Structure formats: C-alpha cells, structure tokens
Amino acid sequence: SENQFLQRFDLPGWRFEALRCGSPITVVEGEPDDNLKMLIASITARYSDRRGEPLVEVAARRDGREEVLLVPPVADQVLEAYRI
C-alpha cells in the first residue's frame, strides 16, 4: 500500500496518522502552529476508518517525537473551503 511505501522513508516534516485504525499518512512540510496541527489531524481523521466517531486520536510525528491529538473528523463544509 501507499502507507507502507511512505513508512520506509525518513521524510522531512511532520507525519499525521490516526491511531488504531486504517488511516492515511498525511505528510506536512514546514512547522505548523498548534491550530494548523489540529486542522491537519482533523482532516486525517476524516479520511481514516474512524471518520464516523465523534473524536479520533491522531499521532503527529517528527524527528523521533510524537504528539497525540484528540480531534473530531473535519466537517465537510470546513473541508470544502480547502479544496482546489
């Protein structure tokens, strides 16, 4: 799978992944602030297998450190504003 392929590499930046379920790996360049981390985690939760749950644990990892964020999956109307 694409996730297994991505996990083989030491990519720069942050990686976000919902815990204990099927989840995309969201790769982020740069240094997001706390609000942007919550949004990225929420988008990651939206595309995970736990998207129907009210809150999802999402790990944000970079350079050997991990932050676990508890977020609701992003609402469709919020996500729509970010579509290209």
PDB file of N, CA and C in Angstrom:
ATOM      1  N   SER A   1       0.829  -1.189   0.000  1.00  0.00           N
ATOM      2  CA  SER A   1       0.000   0.000   0.000  1.00  0.00           C
ATOM      3  C   SER A   1       0.874   1.253   0.000  1.00  0.00           C
ATOM      4  N   GLU A   2       0.257   2.374  -0.280  1.00  0.00           N
ATOM      5  CA  GLU A   2       0.989   3.646  -0.281  1.00  0.00           C
ATOM      6  C   GLU A   2       1.544   3.962   1.106  1.00  0.00           C
ATOM      7  N   ASN A   3       0.783   3.658   2.158  1.00  0.00           N
ATOM      8  CA  ASN A   3       1.260   3.934   3.515  1.00  0.00           C
ATOM      9  C   ASN A   3       2.524   3.143   3.827  1.00  0.00           C
ATOM     10  N   GLN A   4       2.553   1.866   3.474  1.00  0.00           N
ATOM     11  CA  GLN A   4       3.744   1.052   3.718  1.00  0.00           C
ATOM     12  C   GLN A   4       4.933   1.604   2.940  1.00  0.00           C
ATOM     13  N   PHE A   5       4.691   2.066   1.737  1.00  0.00           N
ATOM     14  CA  PHE A   5       5.745   2.674   0.935  1.00  0.00           C
ATOM     15  C   PHE A   5       6.292   3.920   1.629  1.00  0.00           C
ATOM     16  N   LEU A   6       5.408   4.802   2.093  1.00  0.00           N
ATOM     17  CA  LEU A   6       5.835   6.041   2.755  1.00  0.00           C
ATOM     18  C   LEU A   6       6.572   5.774   4.058  1.00  0.00           C
ATOM     19  N   GLN A   7       6.171   4.733   4.793  1.00  0.00           N
ATOM     20  CA  GLN A   7       6.782   4.446   6.087  1.00  0.00           C
ATOM     21  C   GLN A   7       8.228   3.980   5.958  1.00  0.00           C
ATOM     22  N   ARG A   8       8.632   3.570   4.778  1.00  0.00           N
ATOM     23  CA  ARG A   8      10.010   3.112   4.578  1.00  0.00           C
ATOM     24  C   ARG A   8      10.998   4.271   4.518  1.00  0.00           C
ATOM     25  N   PHE A   9      10.509   5.466   4.324  1.00  0.00           N
ATOM     26  CA  PHE A   9      11.381   6.617   4.120  1.00  0.00           C
ATOM     27  C   PHE A   9      11.377   7.538   5.337  1.00  0.00           C
ATOM     28  N   ASP A  10      12.524   8.163   5.560  1.00  0.00           N
ATOM     29  CA  ASP A  10      12.627   9.173   6.607  1.00  0.00           C
ATOM     30  C   ASP A  10      12.342  10.522   5.950  1.00  0.00           C
ATOM     31  N   LEU A  11      11.064  10.822   5.798  1.00  0.00           N
ATOM     32  CA  LEU A  11      10.658  12.044   5.114  1.00  0.00           C
ATOM     33  C   LEU A  11      10.821  13.253   6.023  1.00  0.00           C
ATOM     34  N   PRO A  12      11.185  14.396   5.464  1.00  0.00           N
ATOM     35  CA  PRO A  12      11.261  15.606   6.286  1.00  0.00           C
ATOM     36  C   PRO A  12       9.860  16.060   6.681  1.00  0.00           C
ATOM     37  N   GLY A  13       9.775  16.766   7.766  1.00  0.00           N
ATOM     38  CA  GLY A  13       8.489  17.324   8.183  1.00  0.00           C
ATOM     39  C   GLY A  13       7.694  16.395   9.077  1.00  0.00           C
ATOM     40  N   TRP A  14       6.455  16.758   9.259  1.00  0.00           N
ATOM     41  CA  TRP A  14       5.536  16.043  10.138  1.00  0.00           C
ATOM     42  C   TRP A  14       4.791  14.961   9.375  1.00  0.00           C
ATOM     43  N   ARG A  15       4.447  13.892  10.093  1.00  0.00           N
ATOM     44  CA  ARG A  15       3.548  12.846   9.586  1.00  0.00           C
ATOM     45  C   ARG A  15       2.393  12.725  10.562  1.00  0.00           C
ATOM     46  N   PHE A  16       1.194  12.741  10.050  1.00  0.00           N
ATOM     47  CA  PHE A  16      -0.014  12.588  10.859  1.00  0.00           C
ATOM     48  C   PHE A  16      -0.681  11.275  10.465  1.00  0.00           C
ATOM     49  N   GLU A  17      -1.152  10.509  11.488  1.00  0.00           N
ATOM     50  CA  GLU A  17      -1.808   9.232  11.226  1.00  0.00           C
ATOM     51  C   GLU A  17      -2.779   8.927  12.362  1.00  0.00           C
ATOM     52  N   ALA A  18      -4.019   8.593  12.018  1.00  0.00           N
ATOM     53  CA  ALA A  18      -4.992   8.192  13.038  1.00  0.00           C
ATOM     54  C   ALA A  18      -4.528   6.876  13.653  1.00  0.00           C
ATOM     55  N   LEU A  19      -4.733   6.744  14.957  1.00  0.00           N
ATOM     56  CA  LEU A  19      -4.251   5.572  15.681  1.00  0.00           C
ATOM     57  C   LEU A  19      -5.294   4.462  15.729  1.00  0.00           C
ATOM     58  N   ARG A  20      -4.802   3.240  15.758  1.00  0.00           N
ATOM     59  CA  ARG A  20      -5.621   2.037  15.937  1.00  0.00           C
ATOM     60  C   ARG A  20      -6.712   1.866  14.884  1.00  0.00           C
ATOM     61  N   CYS A  21      -6.404   2.220  13.647  1.00  0.00           N
ATOM     62  CA  CYS A  21      -7.362   2.025  12.557  1.00  0.00           C
ATOM     63  C   CYS A  21      -6.637   2.223  11.233  1.00  0.00           C
ATOM     64  N   GLY A  22      -7.328   1.909  10.153  1.00  0.00           N
ATOM     65  CA  GLY A  22      -6.799   2.238   8.840  1.00  0.00           C
ATOM     66  C   GLY A  22      -6.796   3.750   8.688  1.00  0.00           C
ATOM     67  N   SER A  23      -5.687   4.292   8.241  1.00  0.00           N
ATOM     68  CA  SER A  23      -5.564   5.747   8.181  1.00  0.00           C
ATOM     69  C   SER A  23      -4.616   6.147   7.068  1.00  0.00           C
ATOM     70  N   PRO A  24      -4.898   7.273   6.435  1.00  0.00           N
ATOM     71  CA  PRO A  24      -3.886   7.820   5.534  1.00  0.00           C
ATOM     72  C   PRO A  24      -2.722   8.359   6.361  1.00  0.00           C
ATOM     73  N   ILE A  25      -1.589   8.487   5.730  1.00  0.00           N
ATOM     74  CA  ILE A  25      -0.471   9.202   6.336  1.00  0.00           C
ATOM     75  C   ILE A  25      -0.439  10.563   5.664  1.00  0.00           C
ATOM     76  N   THR A  26      -0.569  11.600   6.468  1.00  0.00           N
ATOM     77  CA  THR A  26      -0.549  12.963   5.959  1.00  0.00           C
ATOM     78  C   THR A  26       0.840  13.532   6.210  1.00  0.00           C
ATOM     79  N   VAL A  27       1.545  13.889   5.148  1.00  0.00           N
ATOM     80  CA  VAL A  27       2.901  14.422   5.247  1.00  0.00           C
ATOM     81  C   VAL A  27       2.825  15.939   5.112  1.00  0.00           C
ATOM     82  N   VAL A  28       3.446  16.645   6.065  1.00  0.00           N
ATOM     83  CA  VAL A  28       3.355  18.105   6.123  1.00  0.00           C
ATOM     84  C   VAL A  28       4.760  18.702   6.130  1.00  0.00           C
ATOM     85  N   GLU A  29       5.007  19.638   5.237  1.00  0.00           N
ATOM     86  CA  GLU A  29       6.267  20.372   5.226  1.00  0.00           C
ATOM     87  C   GLU A  29       6.159  21.570   6.153  1.00  0.00           C
ATOM     88  N   GLY A  30       7.288  22.018   6.659  1.00  0.00           N
ATOM     89  CA  GLY A  30       7.296  23.217   7.486  1.00  0.00           C
ATOM     90  C   GLY A  30       6.922  22.923   8.924  1.00  0.00           C
ATOM     91  N   GLU A  31       6.650  23.990   9.653  1.00  0.00           N
ATOM     92  CA  GLU A  31       6.351  23.903  11.081  1.00  0.00           C
ATOM     93  C   GLU A  31       4.972  24.492  11.338  1.00  0.00           C
ATOM     94  N   PRO A  32       3.921  23.648  11.308  1.00  0.00           N
ATOM     95  CA  PRO A  32       2.575  24.167  11.550  1.00  0.00           C
ATOM     96  C   PRO A  32       2.408  24.615  13.001  1.00  0.00           C
ATOM     97  N   ASP A  33       1.621  25.669  13.213  1.00  0.00           N
ATOM     98  CA  ASP A  33       1.313  26.076  14.584  1.00  0.00           C
ATOM     99  C   ASP A  33       0.273  25.109  15.155  1.00  0.00           C
ATOM    100  N   ASP A  34      -0.072  25.284  16.420  1.00  0.00           N
ATOM    101  CA  ASP A  34      -0.991  24.353  17.086  1.00  0.00           C
ATOM    102  C   ASP A  34      -2.353  24.289  16.406  1.00  0.00           C
ATOM    103  N   ASN A  35      -2.879  25.426  15.957  1.00  0.00           N
ATOM    104  CA  ASN A  35      -4.182  25.427  15.285  1.00  0.00           C
ATOM    105  C   ASN A  35      -4.129  24.659  13.970  1.00  0.00           C
ATOM    106  N   LEU A  36      -3.052  24.838  13.220  1.00  0.00           N
ATOM    107  CA  LEU A  36      -2.919  24.126  11.956  1.00  0.00           C
ATOM    108  C   LEU A  36      -2.718  22.631  12.194  1.00  0.00           C
ATOM    109  N   LYS A  37      -1.988  22.266  13.244  1.00  0.00           N
ATOM    110  CA  LYS A  37      -1.841  20.843  13.588  1.00  0.00           C
ATOM    111  C   LYS A  37      -3.201  20.215  13.872  1.00  0.00           C
ATOM    112  N   MET A  38      -4.055  20.929  14.589  1.00  0.00           N
ATOM    113  CA  MET A  38      -5.392  20.402  14.889  1.00  0.00           C
ATOM    114  C   MET A  38      -6.201  20.226  13.606  1.00  0.00           C
ATOM    115  N   LEU A  39      -6.106  21.177  12.685  1.00  0.00           N
ATOM    116  CA  LEU A  39      -6.819  21.066  11.416  1.00  0.00           C
ATOM    117  C   LEU A  39      -6.298  19.880  10.606  1.00  0.00           C
ATOM    118  N   ILE A  40      -4.983  19.742  10.515  1.00  0.00           N
ATOM    119  CA  ILE A  40      -4.392  18.627   9.768  1.00  0.00           C
ATOM    120  C   ILE A  40      -4.809  17.298  10.387  1.00  0.00           C
ATOM    121  N   ALA A  41      -4.772  17.210  11.712  1.00  0.00           N
ATOM    122  CA  ALA A  41      -5.197  15.987  12.398  1.00  0.00           C
ATOM    123  C   ALA A  41      -6.665  15.699  12.121  1.00  0.00           C
ATOM    124  N   SER A  42      -7.485  16.726  12.112  1.00  0.00           N
ATOM    125  CA  SER A  42      -8.914  16.571  11.857  1.00  0.00           C
ATOM    126  C   SER A  42      -9.180  16.090  10.427  1.00  0.00           C
ATOM    127  N   ILE A  43      -8.422  16.603   9.472  1.00  0.00           N
ATOM    128  CA  ILE A  43      -8.545  16.142   8.084  1.00  0.00           C
ATOM    129  C   ILE A  43      -8.090  14.684   7.978  1.00  0.00           C
ATOM    130  N   THR A  44      -6.997  14.351   8.646  1.00  0.00           N
ATOM    131  CA  THR A  44      -6.520  12.964   8.652  1.00  0.00           C
ATOM    132  C   THR A  44      -7.576  12.041   9.242  1.00  0.00           C
ATOM    133  N   ALA A  45      -8.202  12.463  10.345  1.00  0.00           N
ATOM    134  CA  ALA A  45      -9.265  11.664  10.971  1.00  0.00           C
ATOM    135  C   ALA A  45     -10.440  11.475  10.022  1.00  0.00           C
ATOM    136  N   ARG A  46     -10.756  12.492   9.252  1.00  0.00           N
ATOM    137  CA  ARG A  46     -11.885  12.434   8.309  1.00  0.00           C
ATOM    138  C   ARG A  46     -11.708  11.340   7.275  1.00  0.00           C
ATOM    139  N   TYR A  47     -10.476  11.084   6.871  1.00  0.00           N
ATOM    140  CA  TYR A  47     -10.213  10.073   5.851  1.00  0.00           C
ATOM    141  C   TYR A  47      -9.786   8.730   6.439  1.00  0.00           C
ATOM    142  N   SER A  48      -9.835   8.592   7.757  1.00  0.00           N
ATOM    143  CA  SER A  48      -9.491   7.321   8.405  1.00  0.00           C
ATOM    144  C   SER A  48     -10.722   6.423   8.501  1.00  0.00           C
ATOM    145  N   ASP A  49     -10.506   5.202   8.957  1.00  0.00           N
ATOM    146  CA  ASP A  49     -11.612   4.264   9.164  1.00  0.00           C
ATOM    147  C   ASP A  49     -12.481   4.649  10.362  1.00  0.00           C
ATOM    148  N   ARG A  50     -12.064   5.627  11.151  1.00  0.00           N
ATOM    149  CA  ARG A  50     -12.829   6.058  12.332  1.00  0.00           C
ATOM    150  C   ARG A  50     -13.574   7.368  12.084  1.00  0.00           C
ATOM    151  N   ARG A  51     -13.781   7.728  10.829  1.00  0.00           N
ATOM    152  CA  ARG A  51     -14.409   9.012  10.486  1.00  0.00           C
ATOM    153  C   ARG A  51     -15.808   9.187  11.055  1.00  0.00           C
ATOM    154  N   GLY A  52     -16.489   8.107  11.411  1.00  0.00           N
ATOM    155  CA  GLY A  52     -17.836   8.207  11.971  1.00  0.00           C
ATOM    156  C   GLY A  52     -17.869   8.424  13.472  1.00  0.00           C
ATOM    157  N   GLU A  53     -16.716   8.420  14.120  1.00  0.00           N
ATOM    158  CA  GLU A  53     -16.644   8.605  15.569  1.00  0.00           C
ATOM    159  C   GLU A  53     -16.559  10.095  15.916  1.00  0.00           C
ATOM    160  N   PRO A  54     -17.038  10.472  17.108  1.00  0.00           N
ATOM    161  CA  PRO A  54     -17.005  11.898  17.465  1.00  0.00           C
ATOM    162  C   PRO A  54     -15.591  12.444  17.672  1.00  0.00           C
ATOM    163  N   LEU A  55     -14.692  11.617  18.208  1.00  0.00           N
ATOM    164  CA  LEU A  55     -13.306  12.035  18.429  1.00  0.00           C
ATOM    165  C   LEU A  55     -12.366  10.915  18.008  1.00  0.00           C
ATOM    166  N   VAL A  56     -11.241  11.298  17.425  1.00  0.00           N
ATOM    167  CA  VAL A  56     -10.263  10.336  16.928  1.00  0.00           C
ATOM    168  C   VAL A  56      -8.883  10.747  17.431  1.00  0.00           C
ATOM    169  N   GLU A  57      -8.100   9.773  17.900  1.00  0.00           N
ATOM    170  CA  GLU A  57      -6.717  10.039  18.272  1.00  0.00           C
ATOM    171  C   GLU A  57      -5.854  10.014  17.018  1.00  0.00           C
ATOM    172  N   VAL A  58      -5.099  11.081  16.825  1.00  0.00           N
ATOM    173  CA  VAL A  58      -4.209  11.189  15.668  1.00  0.00           C
ATOM    174  C   VAL A  58      -2.805  11.483  16.189  1.00  0.00           C
ATOM    175  N   ALA A  59      -1.837  10.690  15.730  1.00  0.00           N
ATOM    176  CA  ALA A  59      -0.444  10.920  16.107  1.00  0.00           C
ATOM    177  C   ALA A  59       0.187  11.879  15.108  1.00  0.00           C
ATOM    178  N   ALA A  60       0.891  12.866  15.634  1.00  0.00           N
ATOM    179  CA  ALA A  60       1.700  13.782  14.826  1.00  0.00           C
ATOM    180  C   ALA A  60       3.151  13.494  15.192  1.00  0.00           C
ATOM    181  N   ARG A  61       3.941  13.062  14.209  1.00  0.00           N
ATOM    182  CA  ARG A  61       5.310  12.628  14.487  1.00  0.00           C
ATOM    183  C   ARG A  61       6.314  13.422  13.656  1.00  0.00           C
ATOM    184  N   ARG A  62       7.440  13.708  14.309  1.00  0.00           N
ATOM    185  CA  ARG A  62       8.543  14.377  13.613  1.00  0.00           C
ATOM    186  C   ARG A  62       9.822  14.179  14.414  1.00  0.00           C
ATOM    187  N   ASP A  63      10.870  13.791  13.725  1.00  0.00           N
ATOM    188  CA  ASP A  63      12.207  13.687  14.320  1.00  0.00           C
ATOM    189  C   ASP A  63      12.207  12.917  15.636  1.00  0.00           C
ATOM    190  N   GLY A  64      11.515  11.786  15.686  1.00  0.00           N
ATOM    191  CA  GLY A  64      11.523  10.939  16.870  1.00  0.00           C
ATOM    192  C   GLY A  64      10.590  11.365  17.982  1.00  0.00           C
ATOM    193  N   ARG A  65       9.886  12.449  17.819  1.00  0.00           N
ATOM    194  CA  ARG A  65       8.923  12.845  18.856  1.00  0.00           C
ATOM    195  C   ARG A  65       7.509  12.627  18.343  1.00  0.00           C
ATOM    196  N   GLU A  66       6.582  12.474  19.276  1.00  0.00           N
ATOM    197  CA  GLU A  66       5.191  12.210  18.912  1.00  0.00           C
ATOM    198  C   GLU A  66       4.262  13.019  19.803  1.00  0.00           C
ATOM    199  N   GLU A  67       3.277  13.634  19.179  1.00  0.00           N
ATOM    200  CA  GLU A  67       2.191  14.305  19.890  1.00  0.00           C
ATOM    201  C   GLU A  67       0.912  13.567  19.515  1.00  0.00           C
ATOM    202  N   VAL A  68       0.066  13.256  20.496  1.00  0.00           N
ATOM    203  CA  VAL A  68      -1.214  12.623  20.205  1.00  0.00           C
ATOM    204  C   VAL A  68      -2.300  13.674  20.380  1.00  0.00           C
ATOM    205  N   LEU A  69      -3.054  13.900  19.315  1.00  0.00           N
ATOM    206  CA  LEU A  69      -4.112  14.903  19.294  1.00  0.00           C
ATOM    207  C   LEU A  69      -5.459  14.198  19.252  1.00  0.00           C
ATOM    208  N   LEU A  70      -6.397  14.626  20.065  1.00  0.00           N
ATOM    209  CA  LEU A  70      -7.754  14.081  20.078  1.00  0.00           C
ATOM    210  C   LEU A  70      -8.645  15.091  19.374  1.00  0.00           C
ATOM    211  N   VAL A  71      -9.135  14.715  18.187  1.00  0.00           N
ATOM    212  CA  VAL A  71      -9.851  15.669  17.332  1.00  0.00           C
ATOM    213  C   VAL A  71     -11.107  15.043  16.743  1.00  0.00           C
ATOM    214  N   PRO A  72     -12.102  15.879  16.425  1.00  0.00           N
ATOM    215  CA  PRO A  72     -13.243  15.380  15.649  1.00  0.00           C
ATOM    216  C   PRO A  72     -12.844  15.334  14.173  1.00  0.00           C
ATOM    217  N   PRO A  73     -13.372  14.385  13.411  1.00  0.00           N
ATOM    218  CA  PRO A  73     -13.130  14.426  11.968  1.00  0.00           C
ATOM    219  C   PRO A  73     -13.673  15.738  11.394  1.00  0.00           C
ATOM    220  N   VAL A  74     -12.929  16.335  10.490  1.00  0.00           N
ATOM    221  CA  VAL A  74     -13.321  17.629   9.932  1.00  0.00           C
ATOM    222  C   VAL A  74     -14.688  17.519   9.248  1.00  0.00           C
ATOM    223  N   ALA A  75     -15.497  18.543   9.407  1.00  0.00           N
ATOM    224  CA  ALA A  75     -16.816  18.588   8.765  1.00  0.00           C
ATOM    225  C   ALA A  75     -16.644  18.867   7.275  1.00  0.00           C
ATOM    226  N   ASP A  76     -17.546  18.328   6.479  1.00  0.00           N
ATOM    227  CA  ASP A  76     -17.459  18.512   5.028  1.00  0.00           C
ATOM    228  C   ASP A  76     -17.438  19.980   4.629  1.00  0.00           C
ATOM    229  N   GLN A  77     -18.233  20.820   5.300  1.00  0.00           N
ATOM    230  CA  GLN A  77     -18.277  22.234   4.925  1.00  0.00           C
ATOM    231  C   GLN A  77     -16.958  22.946   5.226  1.00  0.00           C
ATOM    232  N   VAL A  78     -16.241  22.525   6.249  1.00  0.00           N
ATOM    233  CA  VAL A  78     -14.921  23.100   6.534  1.00  0.00           C
ATOM    234  C   VAL A  78     -13.923  22.619   5.485  1.00  0.00           C
ATOM    235  N   LEU A  79     -13.973  21.343   5.187  1.00  0.00           N
ATOM    236  CA  LEU A  79     -13.061  20.761   4.205  1.00  0.00           C
ATOM    237  C   LEU A  79     -13.248  21.386   2.824  1.00  0.00           C
ATOM    238  N   GLU A  80     -14.464  21.706   2.483  1.00  0.00           N
ATOM    239  CA  GLU A  80     -14.766  22.286   1.166  1.00  0.00           C
ATOM    240  C   GLU A  80     -13.974  23.573   0.916  1.00  0.00           C
ATOM    241  N   ALA A  81     -13.735  24.350   1.953  1.00  0.00           N
ATOM    242  CA  ALA A  81     -13.007  25.615   1.807  1.00  0.00           C
ATOM    243  C   ALA A  81     -11.545  25.398   1.404  1.00  0.00           C
ATOM    244  N   TYR A  82     -11.013  24.197   1.624  1.00  0.00           N
ATOM    245  CA  TYR A  82      -9.609  23.912   1.328  1.00  0.00           C
ATOM    246  C   TYR A  82      -9.411  23.147   0.024  1.00  0.00           C
ATOM    247  N   ARG A  83     -10.484  22.778  -0.636  1.00  0.00           N
ATOM    248  CA  ARG A  83     -10.355  22.020  -1.888  1.00  0.00           C
ATOM    249  C   ARG A  83      -9.879  22.924  -3.017  1.00  0.00           C
ATOM    250  N   ILE A  84      -9.097  22.349  -3.876  1.00  0.00           N
ATOM    251  CA  ILE A  84      -8.568  23.094  -5.026  1.00  0.00           C
ATOM    252  C   ILE A  84      -9.414  22.788  -6.250  1.00  0.00           C
TER     253      ILE A  84
END
